[in-house]
Amino acid sequence: MTVASASEIAERYQRIREEVGDGVTVVAATKYVSLEDMGALAEAGVEVVGENRAQDLLAKHDRYGDVFRWHFIGHLQSNKVKVVNPICELVHSLASDSAARRLETSALLEVNLTGEESKSGVGPSDVAELVERYPLVRGLMTMPPLTADPEQSRPHFRRLRQLAQELDLPALSMGTSQDYRVAVEEGATLVRIGEVLFRASSSDVPRH
């Protein structure tokens, strides 16, 4: 993916932060950002990045270190926890006992609200037991079904917020580039923003 200039990313980042307000953390989802292009995010003042793959997390952290605060937002396999523990301040995608037993950093429990087989996460009925069992869980995360209409995500975000309130959990990671505004209206405290933050527009791409 071609990444926009640092100045353009900085402008977008500031605009999104103003939209979501001071109580919401903007996590730059950098799955498709190359090691070299991470420098543009650093120059733009992006503070928190979220990685999907343990090997990419390790490589990018080796290069940029404490320039960013690091979150893990991809599927967390138990054998990758050893990579995540010393680097990440928060994991958004805890979904198994085996990973939870090895995890040493704060986590959000990924909840599969709709029972989609293609998605990771625990069922809503299992959340309370896992929260009680693992004190490192301080919130919930969900990915609603893919839709072009952000309003279709609202009931899922609202349900996750209600579930978190019942369990007195303060953190809610919900909302991505297409629906983060709705997520914030429904109580998100973290939003995971990718392409709308750093993808180059056609005017940014050099002509050859």
C-alpha atoms as a PDB file:
ATOM      1  CA  MET A   1       0.000   0.000   0.000  1.00  0.00           C
ATOM      2  CA  THR A   2       1.235   3.487  -0.862  1.00  0.00           C
ATOM      3  CA  VAL A   3       1.367   5.639   2.258  1.00  0.00           C
ATOM      4  CA  ALA A   4       0.566   9.368   2.289  1.00  0.00           C
ATOM      5  CA  SER A   5       3.128  11.997   3.235  1.00  0.00           C
ATOM      6  CA  ALA A   6       3.871  12.656   6.892  1.00  0.00           C
ATOM      7  CA  SER A   7       2.201  16.073   6.668  1.00  0.00           C
ATOM      8  CA  GLU A   8      -0.994  14.577   5.226  1.00  0.00           C
ATOM      9  CA  ILE A   9      -1.042  11.839   7.864  1.00  0.00           C
ATOM     10  CA  ALA A  10      -0.511  14.452  10.580  1.00  0.00           C
ATOM     11  CA  GLU A  11      -3.456  16.484   9.291  1.00  0.00           C
ATOM     12  CA  ARG A  12      -5.740  13.440   9.178  1.00  0.00           C
ATOM     13  CA  TYR A  13      -4.567  12.239  12.586  1.00  0.00           C
ATOM     14  CA  GLN A  14      -5.330  15.585  14.180  1.00  0.00           C
ATOM     15  CA  ARG A  15      -8.753  15.707  12.526  1.00  0.00           C
ATOM     16  CA  ILE A  16      -9.665  12.208  13.720  1.00  0.00           C
ATOM     17  CA  ARG A  17      -8.465  12.945  17.260  1.00  0.00           C
ATOM     18  CA  GLU A  18     -10.617  16.064  17.351  1.00  0.00           C
ATOM     19  CA  GLU A  19     -13.593  14.031  16.089  1.00  0.00           C
ATOM     20  CA  VAL A  20     -13.314  11.296  18.701  1.00  0.00           C
ATOM     21  CA  GLY A  21     -12.399  13.513  21.672  1.00  0.00           C
ATOM     22  CA  ASP A  22      -9.857  13.292  24.463  1.00  0.00           C
ATOM     23  CA  GLY A  23     -11.300  10.161  26.059  1.00  0.00           C
ATOM     24  CA  VAL A  24     -10.728   7.948  23.014  1.00  0.00           C
ATOM     25  CA  THR A  25      -7.372   6.468  21.964  1.00  0.00           C
ATOM     26  CA  VAL A  26      -6.708   6.388  18.225  1.00  0.00           C
ATOM     27  CA  VAL A  27      -4.830   3.184  17.411  1.00  0.00           C
ATOM     28  CA  ALA A  28      -3.196   3.277  13.975  1.00  0.00           C
ATOM     29  CA  ALA A  29      -3.735  -0.193  12.470  1.00  0.00           C
ATOM     30  CA  THR A  30      -0.484  -0.768  10.592  1.00  0.00           C
ATOM     31  CA  LYS A  31      -0.922  -4.257   9.135  1.00  0.00           C
ATOM     32  CA  TYR A  32      -0.342  -2.968   5.595  1.00  0.00           C
ATOM     33  CA  VAL A  33       2.285  -0.343   6.440  1.00  0.00           C
ATOM     34  CA  SER A  34       5.814  -1.387   5.552  1.00  0.00           C
ATOM     35  CA  LEU A  35       8.736  -1.176   7.938  1.00  0.00           C
ATOM     36  CA  GLU A  36      10.124   1.827   6.073  1.00  0.00           C
ATOM     37  CA  ASP A  37       6.779   3.650   5.844  1.00  0.00           C
ATOM     38  CA  MET A  38       6.325   3.484   9.607  1.00  0.00           C
ATOM     39  CA  GLY A  39       8.719   6.427   9.669  1.00  0.00           C
ATOM     40  CA  ALA A  40       6.053   8.655   8.100  1.00  0.00           C
ATOM     41  CA  LEU A  41       3.683   7.802  10.952  1.00  0.00           C
ATOM     42  CA  ALA A  42       6.371   8.649  13.483  1.00  0.00           C
ATOM     43  CA  GLU A  43       7.066  11.968  11.774  1.00  0.00           C
ATOM     44  CA  ALA A  44       3.324  12.703  11.722  1.00  0.00           C
ATOM     45  CA  GLY A  45       3.099  12.348  15.505  1.00  0.00           C
ATOM     46  CA  VAL A  46       1.102   9.099  15.633  1.00  0.00           C
ATOM     47  CA  GLU A  47       1.397   7.820  19.180  1.00  0.00           C
ATOM     48  CA  VAL A  48      -0.224   4.366  19.321  1.00  0.00           C
ATOM     49  CA  VAL A  49       0.069   1.659  16.675  1.00  0.00           C
ATOM     50  CA  GLY A  50      -1.646  -1.704  16.491  1.00  0.00           C
ATOM     51  CA  GLU A  51      -0.009  -4.688  14.790  1.00  0.00           C
ATOM     52  CA  ASN A  52      -1.711  -7.868  13.567  1.00  0.00           C
ATOM     53  CA  ARG A  53       1.240 -10.229  13.220  1.00  0.00           C
ATOM     54  CA  ALA A  54       3.816 -11.070  15.866  1.00  0.00           C
ATOM     55  CA  GLN A  55       6.698 -11.150  13.398  1.00  0.00           C
ATOM     56  CA  ASP A  56       5.825  -7.695  12.050  1.00  0.00           C
ATOM     57  CA  LEU A  57       5.463  -6.385  15.589  1.00  0.00           C
ATOM     58  CA  LEU A  58       8.930  -7.626  16.423  1.00  0.00           C
ATOM     59  CA  ALA A  59      10.542  -6.189  13.298  1.00  0.00           C
ATOM     60  CA  LYS A  60       8.881  -2.793  13.621  1.00  0.00           C
ATOM     61  CA  HIS A  61       9.596  -2.543  17.323  1.00  0.00           C
ATOM     62  CA  ASP A  62      13.249  -3.411  16.682  1.00  0.00           C
ATOM     63  CA  ARG A  63      13.414  -0.463  14.277  1.00  0.00           C
ATOM     64  CA  TYR A  64      11.275   2.137  16.067  1.00  0.00           C
ATOM     65  CA  GLY A  65      11.261   1.089  19.720  1.00  0.00           C
ATOM     66  CA  ASP A  66       9.699   3.650  22.043  1.00  0.00           C
ATOM     67  CA  VAL A  67       8.773   6.029  19.217  1.00  0.00           C
ATOM     68  CA  PHE A  68       5.315   4.439  19.456  1.00  0.00           C
ATOM     69  CA  ARG A  69       3.183   2.793  22.108  1.00  0.00           C
ATOM     70  CA  TRP A  70       2.478  -0.713  20.829  1.00  0.00           C
ATOM     71  CA  HIS A  71      -0.803  -2.620  20.825  1.00  0.00           C
ATOM     72  CA  PHE A  72      -1.517  -6.074  19.382  1.00  0.00           C
ATOM     73  CA  ILE A  73      -4.799  -6.243  17.466  1.00  0.00           C
ATOM     74  CA  GLY A  74      -4.532  -9.480  15.444  1.00  0.00           C
ATOM     75  CA  HIS A  75      -5.433 -13.049  16.337  1.00  0.00           C
ATOM     76  CA  LEU A  76      -3.264 -13.967  19.315  1.00  0.00           C
ATOM     77  CA  GLN A  77      -1.850 -17.485  19.146  1.00  0.00           C
ATOM     78  CA  SER A  78      -0.560 -18.789  22.454  1.00  0.00           C
ATOM     79  CA  ASN A  79       2.900 -19.486  20.990  1.00  0.00           C
ATOM     80  CA  LYS A  80       3.222 -15.824  19.977  1.00  0.00           C
ATOM     81  CA  VAL A  81       2.482 -14.419  23.440  1.00  0.00           C
ATOM     82  CA  LYS A  82       6.190 -14.418  24.304  1.00  0.00           C
ATOM     83  CA  VAL A  83       6.734 -11.846  21.544  1.00  0.00           C
ATOM     84  CA  VAL A  84       3.860  -9.637  22.665  1.00  0.00           C
ATOM     85  CA  ASN A  85       4.550  -9.607  26.421  1.00  0.00           C
ATOM     86  CA  PRO A  86       7.653  -7.376  26.518  1.00  0.00           C
ATOM     87  CA  ILE A  87       6.491  -4.994  23.770  1.00  0.00           C
ATOM     88  CA  CYS A  88       2.763  -4.295  23.980  1.00  0.00           C
ATOM     89  CA  GLU A  89       0.925  -2.274  26.593  1.00  0.00           C
ATOM     90  CA  LEU A  90      -2.404  -3.755  25.464  1.00  0.00           C
ATOM     91  CA  VAL A  91      -3.700  -6.760  23.535  1.00  0.00           C
ATOM     92  CA  HIS A  92      -7.096  -6.222  21.882  1.00  0.00           C
ATOM     93  CA  SER A  93      -7.742  -9.814  20.869  1.00  0.00           C
ATOM     94  CA  LEU A  94      -7.547 -12.230  23.779  1.00  0.00           C
ATOM     95  CA  ALA A  95      -9.782 -15.178  22.934  1.00  0.00           C
ATOM     96  CA  SER A  96      -8.368 -18.350  24.468  1.00  0.00           C
ATOM     97  CA  ASP A  97      -7.423 -19.796  27.822  1.00  0.00           C
ATOM     98  CA  SER A  98      -4.050 -20.949  26.487  1.00  0.00           C
ATOM     99  CA  ALA A  99      -3.062 -17.407  25.476  1.00  0.00           C
ATOM    100  CA  ALA A 100      -4.477 -15.882  28.660  1.00  0.00           C
ATOM    101  CA  ARG A 101      -2.385 -18.175  30.857  1.00  0.00           C
ATOM    102  CA  ARG A 102       0.792 -16.951  29.164  1.00  0.00           C
ATOM    103  CA  LEU A 103      -0.105 -13.282  28.841  1.00  0.00           C
ATOM    104  CA  GLU A 104       1.560 -10.777  31.167  1.00  0.00           C
ATOM    105  CA  THR A 105       0.198  -7.503  29.786  1.00  0.00           C
ATOM    106  CA  SER A 106      -3.264  -5.913  29.898  1.00  0.00           C
ATOM    107  CA  ALA A 107      -5.831  -7.306  27.513  1.00  0.00           C
ATOM    108  CA  LEU A 108      -9.251  -6.861  26.023  1.00  0.00           C
ATOM    109  CA  LEU A 109     -11.383  -9.934  25.562  1.00  0.00           C
ATOM    110  CA  GLU A 110     -12.472 -10.362  21.964  1.00  0.00           C
ATOM    111  CA  VAL A 111     -16.207 -11.068  21.840  1.00  0.00           C
ATOM    112  CA  ASN A 112     -17.889 -12.708  18.853  1.00  0.00           C
ATOM    113  CA  LEU A 113     -21.349 -11.252  19.269  1.00  0.00           C
ATOM    114  CA  THR A 114     -22.894 -12.834  16.171  1.00  0.00           C
ATOM    115  CA  GLY A 115     -21.387 -16.320  16.260  1.00  0.00           C
ATOM    116  CA  GLU A 116     -19.721 -15.891  12.865  1.00  0.00           C
ATOM    117  CA  GLU A 117     -17.453 -18.888  12.264  1.00  0.00           C
ATOM    118  CA  SER A 118     -15.019 -16.754  10.280  1.00  0.00           C
ATOM    119  CA  LYS A 119     -14.305 -14.569  13.303  1.00  0.00           C
ATOM    120  CA  SER A 120     -12.311 -15.237  16.458  1.00  0.00           C
ATOM    121  CA  GLY A 121     -13.627 -14.414  19.889  1.00  0.00           C
ATOM    122  CA  VAL A 122     -15.570 -15.865  22.767  1.00  0.00           C
ATOM    123  CA  GLY A 123     -19.334 -15.966  22.993  1.00  0.00           C
ATOM    124  CA  PRO A 124     -21.145 -13.377  25.134  1.00  0.00           C
ATOM    125  CA  SER A 125     -22.208 -16.052  27.614  1.00  0.00           C
ATOM    126  CA  ASP A 126     -18.554 -16.921  28.339  1.00  0.00           C
ATOM    127  CA  VAL A 127     -17.314 -13.389  28.993  1.00  0.00           C
ATOM    128  CA  ALA A 128     -18.142 -13.088  32.714  1.00  0.00           C
ATOM    129  CA  GLU A 129     -16.354 -16.322  33.617  1.00  0.00           C
ATOM    130  CA  LEU A 130     -13.189 -15.374  31.707  1.00  0.00           C
ATOM    131  CA  VAL A 131     -13.128 -11.860  33.149  1.00  0.00           C
ATOM    132  CA  GLU A 132     -13.304 -13.326  36.648  1.00  0.00           C
ATOM    133  CA  ARG A 133     -10.599 -15.877  35.882  1.00  0.00           C
ATOM    134  CA  TYR A 134      -8.100 -13.458  34.324  1.00  0.00           C
ATOM    135  CA  PRO A 135      -7.618 -10.138  36.155  1.00  0.00           C
ATOM    136  CA  LEU A 136      -5.523  -8.779  33.271  1.00  0.00           C
ATOM    137  CA  VAL A 137      -8.733  -8.351  31.252  1.00  0.00           C
ATOM    138  CA  ARG A 138      -9.779  -4.718  31.505  1.00  0.00           C
ATOM    139  CA  GLY A 139     -12.204  -4.422  28.637  1.00  0.00           C
ATOM    140  CA  LEU A 140     -13.823  -5.887  25.540  1.00  0.00           C
ATOM    141  CA  MET A 141     -13.326  -5.766  21.791  1.00  0.00           C
ATOM    142  CA  THR A 142     -15.534  -6.776  18.873  1.00  0.00           C
ATOM    143  CA  MET A 143     -15.590  -6.778  15.079  1.00  0.00           C
ATOM    144  CA  PRO A 144     -19.155  -6.497  13.758  1.00  0.00           C
ATOM    145  CA  PRO A 145     -20.136  -8.048  10.419  1.00  0.00           C
ATOM    146  CA  LEU A 146     -18.648  -6.223   7.449  1.00  0.00           C
ATOM    147  CA  THR A 147     -21.057  -3.665   6.023  1.00  0.00           C
ATOM    148  CA  ALA A 148     -20.963  -0.536   3.892  1.00  0.00           C
ATOM    149  CA  ASP A 149     -23.437   1.187   6.217  1.00  0.00           C
ATOM    150  CA  PRO A 150     -21.890   2.208   9.569  1.00  0.00           C
ATOM    151  CA  GLU A 151     -25.342   2.308  11.152  1.00  0.00           C
ATOM    152  CA  GLN A 152     -25.556  -1.463  10.743  1.00  0.00           C
ATOM    153  CA  SER A 153     -22.721  -1.735  13.273  1.00  0.00           C
ATOM    154  CA  ARG A 154     -24.475   0.332  15.935  1.00  0.00           C
ATOM    155  CA  PRO A 155     -26.495  -2.479  17.580  1.00  0.00           C
ATOM    156  CA  HIS A 156     -23.332  -4.571  17.950  1.00  0.00           C
ATOM    157  CA  PHE A 157     -21.398  -1.707  19.508  1.00  0.00           C
ATOM    158  CA  ARG A 158     -24.281  -0.967  21.852  1.00  0.00           C
ATOM    159  CA  ARG A 159     -24.501  -4.590  22.926  1.00  0.00           C
ATOM    160  CA  LEU A 160     -20.773  -4.713  23.676  1.00  0.00           C
ATOM    161  CA  ARG A 161     -21.018  -1.534  25.740  1.00  0.00           C
ATOM    162  CA  GLN A 162     -23.886  -2.961  27.752  1.00  0.00           C
ATOM    163  CA  LEU A 163     -21.932  -6.147  28.368  1.00  0.00           C
ATOM    164  CA  ALA A 164     -18.914  -4.152  29.553  1.00  0.00           C
ATOM    165  CA  GLN A 165     -21.085  -2.048  31.860  1.00  0.00           C
ATOM    166  CA  GLU A 166     -22.579  -5.170  33.440  1.00  0.00           C
ATOM    167  CA  LEU A 167     -19.057  -6.359  34.266  1.00  0.00           C
ATOM    168  CA  ASP A 168     -17.709  -2.925  35.253  1.00  0.00           C
ATOM    169  CA  LEU A 169     -15.049  -2.989  32.530  1.00  0.00           C
ATOM    170  CA  PRO A 170     -13.737   0.453  31.488  1.00  0.00           C
ATOM    171  CA  ALA A 171     -12.183  -0.198  28.059  1.00  0.00           C
ATOM    172  CA  LEU A 172     -13.989  -0.797  24.767  1.00  0.00           C
ATOM    173  CA  SER A 173     -12.122  -1.333  21.494  1.00  0.00           C
ATOM    174  CA  MET A 174     -14.626  -1.057  18.682  1.00  0.00           C
ATOM    175  CA  GLY A 175     -14.817   0.795  15.410  1.00  0.00           C
ATOM    176  CA  THR A 176     -12.493   0.927  12.430  1.00  0.00           C
ATOM    177  CA  SER A 177     -12.031   3.294   9.501  1.00  0.00           C
ATOM    178  CA  GLN A 178     -15.566   2.885   8.161  1.00  0.00           C
ATOM    179  CA  ASP A 179     -17.556   3.030  11.407  1.00  0.00           C
ATOM    180  CA  TYR A 180     -15.445   4.630  14.147  1.00  0.00           C
ATOM    181  CA  ARG A 181     -17.768   7.639  14.485  1.00  0.00           C
ATOM    182  CA  VAL A 182     -20.709   5.363  15.331  1.00  0.00           C
ATOM    183  CA  ALA A 183     -18.488   3.362  17.682  1.00  0.00           C
ATOM    184  CA  VAL A 184     -17.515   6.504  19.602  1.00  0.00           C
ATOM    185  CA  GLU A 185     -21.175   7.499  19.896  1.00  0.00           C
ATOM    186  CA  GLU A 186     -21.791   4.074  21.462  1.00  0.00           C
ATOM    187  CA  GLY A 187     -18.980   4.352  23.996  1.00  0.00           C
ATOM    188  CA  ALA A 188     -15.725   3.225  22.350  1.00  0.00           C
ATOM    189  CA  THR A 189     -12.590   4.157  24.289  1.00  0.00           C
ATOM    190  CA  LEU A 190     -10.258   2.857  21.553  1.00  0.00           C
ATOM    191  CA  VAL A 191     -10.751   2.953  17.777  1.00  0.00           C
ATOM    192  CA  ARG A 192      -8.574   1.105  15.269  1.00  0.00           C
ATOM    193  CA  ILE A 193      -7.960   3.345  12.262  1.00  0.00           C
ATOM    194  CA  GLY A 194      -6.139   2.187   9.137  1.00  0.00           C
ATOM    195  CA  GLU A 195      -6.539   3.362   5.578  1.00  0.00           C
ATOM    196  CA  VAL A 196      -8.393   6.624   6.206  1.00  0.00           C
ATOM    197  CA  LEU A 197      -5.413   7.703   8.305  1.00  0.00           C
ATOM    198  CA  PHE A 198      -2.469   6.895   6.069  1.00  0.00           C
ATOM    199  CA  ARG A 199      -3.464   5.611   2.615  1.00  0.00           C
ATOM    200  CA  ALA A 200      -2.223   7.898  -0.153  1.00  0.00           C
ATOM    201  CA  SER A 201      -4.908   9.534  -2.270  1.00  0.00           C
ATOM    202  CA  SER A 202      -4.488   9.578  -6.054  1.00  0.00           C
ATOM    203  CA  SER A 203      -3.136  13.117  -5.825  1.00  0.00           C
ATOM    204  CA  ASP A 204      -0.418  11.956  -3.409  1.00  0.00           C
ATOM    205  CA  VAL A 205       0.936   9.229  -5.691  1.00  0.00           C
ATOM    206  CA  PRO A 206       3.855  10.391  -7.873  1.00  0.00           C
ATOM    207  CA  ARG A 207       3.292  10.248 -11.652  1.00  0.00           C
ATOM    208  CA  HIS A 208       5.972   8.531 -13.727  1.00  0.00           C
END
